[in-house]
Amino acid sequence: MANTNFLDEISTIVGQDAMPVWEEFQKISNIPRGSKNEGEIIGYIKARAELLGLKYEIDGANNIVVFKPSTNGSDKTVMLQSHVDMVADKEKESTHDFSKDPVRPYVDGEWVKARETTLGADNGIGVAMQLALMTSKDAQHPNLELLFTVDEETGLNGALALKLPLKANYMINLDSEEGDVIFVGCASSLRWKATLPGVTEAKGNGLVEITLNNFPGGHSGVQIHETARGNPINLMGYLLSKRRDNPIDTILNINGGTKMNGIPRDCVAAVSQNLFYNNGLEDVMGVAKHYNDANLNAKPFELDSVLTTSNPRNVINALSLVHSGVLFLETSKYALVETSNNIGIIHTTKDGVIMEGMLRSSNDYREQVALNLVRTAFESNNFAFEVVGRYAGWQPKDNYRLLDLALSNAKTVFGSEKKVEAVHAGLECGPLNGFYPGMEIISLGPKIVGPHSPSEKVEIQSVGKSYQLIRAIIKEL
């Protein structure tokens, strides 16, 4: 059922030109569309295409493209692309069921938020813009390929598996969140996993628990250069490495992080007192002062038994050698960071100590240099190292028609010039550029703050202006 109060309130804020986007966004907010649960939303798009008499195709991964013929006499083809899935996250006390319950958007001043859950503006606003264009009777445009991909949030899986007969000359990706930036490039993303076998059950007498938590965490791409965020997994390695003469029979159980592509917010280690030297607490508190609001502590405790690595020195050495943060700065004008690495997860399991992380780069050569550094650090400490997945980046280039049109029209729509940047993160533009070479590509979108969390919000006015800009660009192609 439509949230009429939401649409009524939005209609008093925005002009009629923007209302079709908000109406479509409200409709898809009623449809469950968490990652890997996109069947209903793809079925909805298919039904809308059929109702409008538009041709469409669906591939084996469940990506769908809808074809809309030219209305301005142009024989060119433009692809507009967004992903239909959203990150399904909610507040701890929420009873929301993402498999059946609608997301409930509401207006809060200049923003739209959701009650108790992620809003799904990432990338639901892009989907809504495409649906608004699909149904529009007055939009002037060349041939359109309206591409809706699945399962982006868990690794660009829909885009990587894409098999559709696309012929676009131009592509506009609608998955950017900066509002005032047009993106012309993105980094590759390489996921890695390192495993050190060998664990035993030991008596948990005379242990010390070191806790590093309440770090801000963050995105391991666009926020990797913000050193004040810290990486508590690496910091734990630094603290433990201070005792260089630790004995072989030291107990070490270490766990931290939840996502291989996120900067972790916590790390906890249970260690023998012989590893935690006399001035250990002093060192922990000395580190704490460098990270605002972070909580670092150490206290004695005991357990009946504890799972411990058989090779604590190897774990500590690897954590000391594998850097989380910027490895190479960007040499182009479009971005700050070129190559980075991040340890996102560490767990002590029955299979051994396992670490997972992500390496990003906008330079293929230095990606391999960085990969060799990470691989060597692990393998020299007896870890088994593997690359578990990679998707390509999208290299920036200068002076092409699509970008020129976007910049000139943006100045008219927004009243100021937009910035042009490359993002140190993955976009579906990367694999799509590889599958369909020769396209001119840009990425743009409204201002979204806090994506992937219940604090997600989208700026109302930027939605209407972004939609106006898209319509202006495609009118001239």
Protein backbone atom coordinates (compact mmCIF):
# COMPACT_ATOMS: atom_id res chain seq x y z
CA MET A 1 0.00 0.00 0.00
CA ALA A 2 1.33 3.44 -0.92
CA ASN A 3 2.59 5.73 1.82
CA THR A 4 0.32 8.60 0.77
CA ASN A 5 1.47 10.84 3.62
CA PHE A 6 5.05 10.57 2.38
CA LEU A 7 4.11 11.43 -1.21
CA ASP A 8 1.81 14.25 -0.07
CA GLU A 9 4.63 15.78 1.97
CA ILE A 10 7.17 15.39 -0.83
CA SER A 11 4.77 17.07 -3.27
CA THR A 12 4.82 20.24 -1.15
CA ILE A 13 8.63 20.39 -1.39
CA VAL A 14 9.52 19.45 -4.97
CA GLY A 15 8.22 20.49 -8.36
CA GLN A 16 6.06 18.34 -10.61
CA ASP A 17 9.08 17.44 -12.75
CA ALA A 18 10.59 15.48 -9.83
CA MET A 19 7.41 13.79 -8.59
CA PRO A 20 7.56 10.82 -11.01
CA VAL A 21 10.89 9.80 -9.42
CA TRP A 22 9.49 9.94 -5.89
CA GLU A 23 6.34 8.07 -6.95
CA GLU A 24 8.46 5.29 -8.44
CA PHE A 25 10.71 5.24 -5.38
CA GLN A 26 7.69 4.82 -3.13
CA LYS A 27 6.45 1.91 -5.26
CA ILE A 28 9.74 0.01 -5.17
CA SER A 29 10.09 0.69 -1.43
CA ASN A 30 7.11 -1.64 -1.03
CA ILE A 31 8.99 -4.46 -2.76
CA PRO A 32 11.57 -6.56 -0.84
CA ARG A 33 14.90 -6.20 -2.67
CA GLY A 34 17.75 -7.08 -0.39
CA SER A 35 20.78 -8.54 -2.16
CA LYS A 36 20.06 -12.03 -3.55
CA ASN A 37 16.32 -11.44 -3.08
CA GLU A 38 15.62 -9.48 -6.27
CA GLY A 39 13.10 -11.77 -7.98
CA GLU A 40 10.06 -9.66 -7.15
CA ILE A 41 11.58 -6.33 -8.20
CA ILE A 42 12.83 -7.79 -11.51
CA GLY A 43 9.33 -9.21 -12.06
CA TYR A 44 7.88 -5.78 -11.36
CA ILE A 45 10.14 -4.10 -13.94
CA LYS A 46 9.28 -6.81 -16.48
CA ALA A 47 5.55 -6.29 -15.91
CA ARG A 48 5.92 -2.52 -16.31
CA ALA A 49 7.77 -2.98 -19.60
CA GLU A 50 5.07 -5.33 -20.89
CA LEU A 51 2.34 -2.90 -19.89
CA LEU A 52 4.10 -0.15 -21.87
CA GLY A 53 4.68 -2.42 -24.86
CA LEU A 54 8.47 -2.16 -24.56
CA LYS A 55 10.87 -4.94 -25.48
CA TYR A 56 13.12 -6.37 -22.78
CA GLU A 57 15.58 -9.19 -22.17
CA ILE A 58 16.58 -11.03 -18.98
CA ASP A 59 19.82 -12.99 -18.69
CA GLY A 60 20.72 -16.02 -16.59
CA ALA A 61 21.80 -13.90 -13.63
CA ASN A 62 18.37 -12.16 -13.64
CA ASN A 63 19.67 -8.81 -14.91
CA ILE A 64 17.06 -7.08 -17.09
CA VAL A 65 17.38 -4.49 -19.85
CA VAL A 66 14.36 -2.60 -21.21
CA PHE A 67 14.64 -1.03 -24.67
CA LYS A 68 12.86 2.28 -25.33
CA PRO A 69 12.98 3.72 -28.87
CA SER A 70 14.32 7.17 -29.69
CA THR A 71 11.98 10.15 -29.31
CA ASN A 72 14.32 12.90 -30.56
CA GLY A 73 15.27 11.46 -33.96
CA SER A 74 18.76 10.39 -32.87
CA ASP A 75 20.10 7.03 -34.00
CA LYS A 76 22.50 6.86 -31.01
CA THR A 77 21.92 4.59 -28.02
CA VAL A 78 22.37 5.53 -24.36
CA MET A 79 22.51 3.01 -21.52
CA LEU A 80 21.18 4.15 -18.14
CA GLN A 81 22.22 1.70 -15.43
CA SER A 82 21.51 1.06 -11.76
CA HIS A 83 21.32 -1.95 -9.46
CA VAL A 84 18.04 -3.09 -7.95
CA ASP A 85 19.36 -4.61 -4.71
CA MET A 86 19.89 -2.76 -1.45
CA VAL A 87 21.80 -3.43 1.75
CA ALA A 88 19.26 -4.79 4.23
CA ASP A 89 20.28 -3.41 7.62
CA LYS A 90 18.19 -2.28 10.56
CA GLU A 91 18.43 -0.89 14.05
CA LYS A 92 19.03 -3.49 16.77
CA GLU A 93 15.59 -3.15 18.33
CA SER A 94 13.73 -3.24 15.00
CA THR A 95 11.42 -6.16 14.14
CA HIS A 96 11.48 -5.30 10.42
CA ASP A 97 11.48 -8.37 8.15
CA PHE A 98 13.24 -7.52 4.88
CA SER A 99 11.77 -10.59 3.19
CA LYS A 100 8.25 -9.13 3.32
CA ASP A 101 7.99 -5.74 5.04
CA PRO A 102 8.05 -2.48 3.04
CA VAL A 103 10.68 0.14 3.69
CA ARG A 104 8.98 3.20 5.19
CA PRO A 105 10.46 6.46 3.89
CA TYR A 106 9.70 9.76 5.58
CA VAL A 107 10.67 13.42 5.22
CA ASP A 108 13.02 14.93 7.77
CA GLY A 109 13.73 18.54 6.82
CA GLU A 110 15.82 18.56 3.62
CA TRP A 111 16.25 14.78 3.65
CA VAL A 112 14.35 11.55 3.15
CA LYS A 113 15.12 8.78 5.64
CA ALA A 114 13.60 5.39 6.53
CA ARG A 115 12.11 4.26 9.81
CA GLU A 116 14.44 1.81 11.61
CA THR A 117 16.09 0.50 8.40
CA THR A 118 18.32 1.34 5.49
CA LEU A 119 16.45 3.57 3.06
CA GLY A 120 17.63 1.87 -0.13
CA ALA A 121 18.28 5.19 -1.89
CA ASP A 122 21.47 3.35 -2.84
CA ASN A 123 20.58 2.49 -5.58
CA GLY A 124 16.79 2.78 -5.43
CA ILE A 125 16.78 6.41 -6.52
CA GLY A 126 18.65 5.39 -9.68
CA VAL A 127 16.12 2.63 -10.31
CA ALA A 128 13.28 5.12 -9.77
CA MET A 129 14.81 7.56 -12.25
CA GLN A 130 15.02 4.83 -14.89
CA LEU A 131 11.41 3.79 -14.27
CA ALA A 132 10.29 7.43 -14.51
CA LEU A 133 12.04 7.75 -17.88
CA MET A 134 10.62 4.42 -19.00
CA THR A 135 7.07 5.66 -18.46
CA SER A 136 7.61 9.30 -19.48
CA LYS A 137 5.68 10.50 -22.54
CA ASP A 138 7.44 13.85 -22.86
CA ALA A 139 11.14 13.03 -22.32
CA GLN A 140 13.30 13.65 -25.39
CA HIS A 141 16.01 11.04 -25.81
CA PRO A 142 17.83 8.73 -28.24
CA ASN A 143 17.37 4.97 -28.07
CA LEU A 144 17.53 3.90 -24.43
CA GLU A 145 18.86 0.71 -22.90
CA LEU A 146 17.55 0.78 -19.32
CA LEU A 147 19.77 -1.76 -17.56
CA PHE A 148 18.85 -3.00 -14.08
CA THR A 149 21.47 -5.28 -12.51
CA VAL A 150 21.19 -7.58 -9.48
CA ASP A 151 23.38 -8.42 -6.50
CA GLU A 152 25.70 -5.43 -6.67
CA GLU A 153 26.15 -4.94 -2.95
CA THR A 154 27.81 -8.32 -2.33
CA GLY A 155 30.46 -7.96 -5.05
CA LEU A 156 29.05 -6.60 -8.36
CA ASN A 157 27.91 -10.16 -9.07
CA GLY A 158 25.10 -9.27 -11.46
CA ALA A 159 27.32 -7.03 -13.58
CA LEU A 160 30.11 -9.61 -13.61
CA ALA A 161 27.70 -12.26 -14.91
CA LEU A 162 25.99 -9.97 -17.45
CA LYS A 163 25.11 -11.51 -20.80
CA LEU A 164 22.79 -9.14 -22.67
CA PRO A 165 22.85 -7.78 -26.28
CA LEU A 166 23.74 -4.17 -25.44
CA LYS A 167 24.84 -1.74 -28.15
CA ALA A 168 25.07 1.59 -26.33
CA ASN A 169 27.39 4.36 -27.50
CA TYR A 170 27.11 6.08 -24.12
CA MET A 171 26.55 4.89 -20.54
CA ILE A 172 25.33 6.85 -17.52
CA ASN A 173 25.67 4.95 -14.27
CA LEU A 174 23.28 6.26 -11.58
CA ASP A 175 25.02 4.82 -8.52
CA SER A 176 27.05 7.81 -7.34
CA GLU A 177 26.32 9.41 -3.99
CA GLU A 178 28.24 12.70 -3.95
CA GLY A 179 25.66 14.98 -5.58
CA ASP A 180 28.17 17.60 -6.75
CA VAL A 181 30.60 15.21 -8.47
CA ILE A 182 30.63 13.53 -11.88
CA PHE A 183 32.76 10.39 -11.75
CA VAL A 184 34.90 9.37 -14.71
CA GLY A 185 36.80 6.40 -13.26
CA CYS A 186 36.90 3.82 -10.48
CA ALA A 187 39.42 1.48 -8.89
CA SER A 188 39.70 -2.24 -9.39
CA SER A 189 38.90 -4.35 -6.33
CA LEU A 190 40.74 -7.55 -5.47
CA ARG A 191 39.53 -9.73 -2.58
CA TRP A 192 42.07 -11.88 -0.78
CA LYS A 193 42.09 -14.51 1.98
CA ALA A 194 44.99 -15.76 4.10
CA THR A 195 44.83 -18.85 6.33
CA LEU A 196 47.37 -20.04 8.90
CA PRO A 197 46.55 -23.66 9.85
CA GLY A 198 47.15 -25.07 13.28
CA VAL A 199 45.05 -24.47 16.37
CA THR A 200 44.82 -26.22 19.74
CA GLU A 201 42.60 -26.14 22.80
CA ALA A 202 44.45 -24.79 25.82
CA LYS A 203 43.60 -24.07 29.44
CA GLY A 204 42.49 -20.51 29.85
CA ASN A 205 44.40 -19.71 33.03
CA GLY A 206 46.13 -16.39 33.52
CA LEU A 207 44.89 -14.69 30.37
CA VAL A 208 44.71 -11.04 29.44
CA GLU A 209 41.89 -9.74 27.22
CA ILE A 210 42.92 -6.82 25.03
CA THR A 211 39.93 -4.93 23.62
CA LEU A 212 40.14 -2.36 20.85
CA ASN A 213 36.63 -1.19 19.97
CA ASN A 214 34.42 1.77 19.17
CA PHE A 215 36.59 2.73 16.21
CA PRO A 216 34.58 4.53 13.50
CA GLY A 217 35.17 1.90 10.81
CA GLY A 218 34.20 2.98 7.33
CA HIS A 219 34.47 2.27 3.62
CA SER A 220 37.78 0.64 2.77
CA GLY A 221 37.96 2.56 -0.50
CA VAL A 222 36.75 6.13 -0.25
CA GLN A 223 37.76 6.51 3.43
CA ILE A 224 41.01 4.50 3.44
CA HIS A 225 43.16 7.67 3.47
CA GLU A 226 41.55 8.97 6.68
CA THR A 227 44.24 7.74 9.06
CA ALA A 228 42.41 8.91 12.20
CA ARG A 229 39.93 6.08 11.63
CA GLY A 230 42.60 3.51 12.46
CA ASN A 231 42.46 -0.22 11.80
CA PRO A 232 42.17 -2.05 15.14
CA ILE A 233 43.31 -5.37 13.62
CA ASN A 234 46.63 -3.85 12.56
CA LEU A 235 46.88 -1.93 15.83
CA MET A 236 46.49 -5.20 17.73
CA GLY A 237 49.41 -6.58 15.75
CA TYR A 238 51.46 -3.52 16.67
CA LEU A 239 50.72 -3.91 20.37
CA LEU A 240 51.50 -7.63 20.39
CA SER A 241 54.71 -7.14 18.41
CA LYS A 242 56.15 -5.01 21.20
CA ARG A 243 57.07 -8.25 22.98
CA ARG A 244 59.59 -9.55 20.47
CA ASP A 245 60.79 -12.43 22.60
CA ASN A 246 57.38 -14.04 23.04
CA PRO A 247 57.67 -17.79 23.64
CA ILE A 248 56.41 -20.35 21.16
CA ASP A 249 53.81 -21.72 23.58
CA THR A 250 52.07 -18.34 23.97
CA ILE A 251 48.27 -18.43 23.83
CA LEU A 252 46.78 -16.15 21.18
CA ASN A 253 43.11 -16.03 20.17
CA ILE A 254 42.28 -13.01 18.02
CA ASN A 255 39.04 -11.88 16.34
CA GLY A 256 37.90 -8.65 14.71
CA GLY A 257 35.95 -7.04 11.88
CA THR A 258 32.82 -8.19 10.06
CA LYS A 259 33.31 -7.31 6.37
CA MET A 260 36.33 -7.91 4.16
CA ASN A 261 35.60 -4.64 2.30
CA GLY A 262 35.06 -2.50 5.40
CA ILE A 263 37.50 -0.78 7.75
CA PRO A 264 36.96 -2.76 10.99
CA ARG A 265 35.58 -1.19 14.13
CA ASP A 266 36.91 -3.66 16.69
CA CYS A 267 39.45 -6.34 17.52
CA VAL A 268 39.69 -8.51 20.65
CA ALA A 269 42.58 -10.77 21.59
CA ALA A 270 42.94 -13.25 24.45
CA VAL A 271 46.66 -13.67 25.19
CA SER A 272 48.93 -15.21 27.77
CA GLN A 273 50.25 -12.87 30.42
CA ASN A 274 53.76 -13.77 29.28
CA LEU A 275 52.93 -12.13 25.94
CA PHE A 276 51.35 -9.14 27.60
CA TYR A 277 54.40 -7.52 29.17
CA ASN A 278 54.46 -5.47 32.38
CA ASN A 279 53.80 -2.10 30.76
CA GLY A 280 51.24 -3.48 28.26
CA LEU A 281 48.28 -1.53 29.59
CA GLU A 282 50.32 1.64 29.43
CA ASP A 283 51.07 0.97 25.77
CA VAL A 284 47.40 0.27 25.01
CA MET A 285 46.32 3.54 26.57
CA GLY A 286 49.13 5.32 24.75
CA VAL A 287 47.69 4.14 21.43
CA ALA A 288 44.15 5.09 22.49
CA LYS A 289 44.89 8.81 22.64
CA HIS A 290 45.47 8.88 18.86
CA TYR A 291 41.89 7.76 18.04
CA ASN A 292 38.94 9.88 19.13
CA ASP A 293 36.19 7.98 20.96
CA ALA A 294 37.97 4.63 20.52
CA ASN A 295 37.92 2.34 23.54
CA LEU A 296 41.17 0.46 24.23
CA ASN A 297 41.58 -1.62 27.33
CA ALA A 298 43.27 -4.68 28.81
CA LYS A 299 42.18 -6.78 31.77
CA PRO A 300 43.01 -10.19 33.25
CA PHE A 301 40.46 -12.97 32.87
CA GLU A 302 40.20 -16.76 32.79
CA LEU A 303 38.35 -19.38 30.75
CA ASP A 304 38.00 -23.12 31.15
CA SER A 305 39.59 -23.51 27.72
CA VAL A 306 40.54 -21.34 24.78
CA LEU A 307 41.18 -22.01 21.09
CA THR A 308 44.67 -20.75 20.30
CA THR A 309 46.85 -20.58 17.22
CA SER A 310 49.84 -22.90 17.29
CA ASN A 311 51.92 -20.21 15.58
CA PRO A 312 51.47 -16.89 17.39
CA ARG A 313 54.71 -15.42 16.08
CA ASN A 314 53.56 -15.89 12.48
CA VAL A 315 50.25 -14.13 13.19
CA ILE A 316 51.93 -11.20 14.90
CA ASN A 317 54.59 -10.88 12.20
CA ALA A 318 52.00 -10.91 9.41
CA LEU A 319 49.93 -8.23 11.13
CA SER A 320 53.06 -6.12 11.47
CA LEU A 321 53.99 -6.51 7.79
CA VAL A 322 50.60 -6.26 6.01
CA HIS A 323 49.73 -2.57 5.90
CA SER A 324 46.12 -1.36 5.96
CA GLY A 325 45.89 2.04 4.32
CA VAL A 326 47.27 3.92 1.34
CA LEU A 327 50.10 2.18 -0.53
CA PHE A 328 50.49 4.51 -3.54
CA LEU A 329 49.11 8.01 -4.09
CA GLU A 330 47.33 8.84 -7.34
CA THR A 331 49.40 10.57 -10.02
CA SER A 332 46.41 11.79 -12.07
CA LYS A 333 44.24 14.82 -11.36
CA TYR A 334 41.11 12.78 -10.68
CA ALA A 335 41.74 11.09 -7.30
CA LEU A 336 43.80 11.21 -4.13
CA VAL A 337 44.53 7.49 -3.68
CA GLU A 338 45.77 5.13 -6.39
CA THR A 339 46.42 1.85 -4.52
CA SER A 340 45.41 0.70 -1.06
CA ASN A 341 45.02 -2.41 1.06
CA ASN A 342 42.78 -3.20 4.01
CA ILE A 343 42.52 -6.11 6.46
CA GLY A 344 38.79 -6.29 7.12
CA ILE A 345 38.40 -9.54 9.10
CA ILE A 346 40.47 -11.77 11.38
CA HIS A 347 39.09 -14.88 13.11
CA THR A 348 40.56 -17.74 15.09
CA THR A 349 38.67 -20.85 13.95
CA LYS A 350 39.08 -24.62 14.02
CA ASP A 351 40.65 -24.27 10.56
CA GLY A 352 43.26 -21.81 11.79
CA VAL A 353 43.67 -18.03 11.91
CA ILE A 354 41.90 -16.57 8.87
CA MET A 355 42.26 -13.01 7.57
CA GLU A 356 40.29 -11.46 4.72
CA GLY A 357 40.71 -8.12 3.01
CA MET A 358 40.57 -6.05 -0.13
CA LEU A 359 43.20 -4.43 -2.31
CA ARG A 360 42.12 -1.59 -4.61
CA SER A 361 43.99 0.18 -7.39
CA SER A 362 43.50 2.38 -10.43
CA ASN A 363 46.83 1.19 -11.89
CA ASP A 364 47.13 -2.43 -13.04
CA TYR A 365 50.90 -2.55 -12.62
CA ARG A 366 50.93 -1.21 -9.07
CA GLU A 367 48.00 -3.45 -8.20
CA GLN A 368 50.32 -6.38 -8.94
CA VAL A 369 53.18 -4.77 -6.99
CA ALA A 370 50.90 -4.33 -3.98
CA LEU A 371 49.51 -7.84 -4.34
CA ASN A 372 53.04 -9.23 -4.28
CA LEU A 373 53.80 -7.29 -1.08
CA VAL A 374 50.71 -8.66 0.66
CA ARG A 375 51.17 -12.20 -0.63
CA THR A 376 54.86 -12.30 0.38
CA ALA A 377 54.14 -10.98 3.88
CA PHE A 378 51.64 -13.77 4.47
CA GLU A 379 53.45 -16.61 2.72
CA SER A 380 56.74 -15.83 4.47
CA ASN A 381 54.84 -16.48 7.70
CA ASN A 382 53.39 -19.81 6.54
CA PHE A 383 49.92 -18.54 5.63
CA ALA A 384 48.15 -20.02 2.62
CA PHE A 385 47.23 -17.01 0.47
CA GLU A 386 44.60 -16.83 -2.27
CA VAL A 387 42.85 -14.25 -4.43
CA VAL A 388 39.15 -15.06 -4.12
CA GLY A 389 37.76 -12.51 -6.55
CA ARG A 390 38.52 -9.44 -8.63
CA TYR A 391 36.63 -6.94 -10.71
CA ALA A 392 38.17 -4.50 -13.10
CA GLY A 393 38.54 -0.78 -12.69
CA TRP A 394 37.53 1.94 -15.12
CA GLN A 395 40.33 4.21 -16.30
CA PRO A 396 39.62 7.97 -16.48
CA LYS A 397 40.07 9.83 -19.75
CA ASP A 398 39.75 13.45 -20.81
CA ASN A 399 37.66 15.43 -23.26
CA TYR A 400 34.80 13.30 -24.51
CA ARG A 401 31.34 14.33 -25.60
CA LEU A 402 29.29 12.74 -22.82
CA LEU A 403 31.36 14.40 -20.11
CA ASP A 404 31.28 17.76 -21.90
CA LEU A 405 27.48 17.60 -22.14
CA ALA A 406 27.19 16.61 -18.49
CA LEU A 407 29.37 19.51 -17.33
CA SER A 408 27.69 22.15 -19.46
CA ASN A 409 24.18 21.07 -18.48
CA ALA A 410 25.14 20.69 -14.82
CA LYS A 411 26.17 24.33 -14.72
CA THR A 412 22.69 25.28 -15.97
CA VAL A 413 20.78 22.90 -13.67
CA PHE A 414 22.81 23.34 -10.47
CA GLY A 415 23.99 26.90 -10.99
CA SER A 416 27.61 25.90 -10.46
CA GLU A 417 30.24 23.67 -11.99
CA LYS A 418 30.43 20.03 -10.92
CA LYS A 419 33.68 18.44 -9.83
CA VAL A 420 35.15 15.67 -11.96
CA GLU A 421 36.74 12.80 -10.04
CA ALA A 422 37.59 9.13 -10.02
CA VAL A 423 36.41 7.12 -7.01
CA HIS A 424 38.70 4.79 -5.06
CA ALA A 425 36.02 2.12 -4.92
CA GLY A 426 34.25 -0.30 -7.21
CA LEU A 427 31.45 0.68 -9.59
CA GLU A 428 29.65 -1.52 -12.09
CA CYS A 429 31.16 0.75 -14.75
CA GLY A 430 34.35 -1.30 -14.34
CA PRO A 431 33.12 -4.69 -15.57
CA LEU A 432 30.60 -3.14 -17.99
CA ASN A 433 33.36 -1.12 -19.60
CA GLY A 434 35.31 -4.35 -20.03
CA PHE A 435 32.37 -6.24 -21.56
CA TYR A 436 31.32 -3.42 -23.89
CA PRO A 437 34.49 -1.46 -24.78
CA GLY A 438 34.26 1.80 -26.65
CA MET A 439 31.41 3.35 -24.66
CA GLU A 440 31.74 6.84 -23.24
CA ILE A 441 30.86 6.56 -19.53
CA ILE A 442 30.05 8.84 -16.62
CA SER A 443 28.55 8.16 -13.19
CA LEU A 444 26.37 10.60 -11.27
CA GLY A 445 23.58 10.70 -8.72
CA PRO A 446 22.02 12.61 -5.81
CA LYS A 447 23.64 13.27 -2.45
CA ILE A 448 23.31 10.21 -0.19
CA VAL A 449 24.75 10.13 3.33
CA GLY A 450 25.25 6.99 5.42
CA PRO A 451 24.50 4.32 2.79
CA HIS A 452 24.45 0.69 3.98
CA SER A 453 23.22 1.73 7.45
CA PRO A 454 19.93 2.68 9.14
CA SER A 455 21.16 6.29 9.19
CA GLU A 456 21.03 6.43 5.36
CA LYS A 457 19.43 9.57 3.97
CA VAL A 458 19.09 11.26 0.58
CA GLU A 459 18.94 15.00 -0.04
CA ILE A 460 15.54 15.83 -1.54
CA GLN A 461 16.51 18.70 -3.83
CA SER A 462 19.51 16.84 -5.25
CA VAL A 463 17.22 14.05 -6.48
CA GLY A 464 15.16 16.41 -8.62
CA LYS A 465 18.21 18.21 -9.95
CA SER A 466 20.00 14.95 -10.81
CA TYR A 467 16.93 13.75 -12.71
CA GLN A 468 16.70 17.10 -14.52
CA LEU A 469 20.37 16.82 -15.46
CA ILE A 470 19.97 13.30 -16.85
CA ARG A 471 17.03 14.39 -18.99
CA ALA A 472 19.01 17.38 -20.27
CA ILE A 473 22.02 15.24 -21.21
CA ILE A 474 20.13 12.53 -23.08
CA LYS A 475 18.05 15.14 -24.93
CA GLU A 476 21.24 16.32 -26.67
CA LEU A 477 22.69 12.91 -27.51
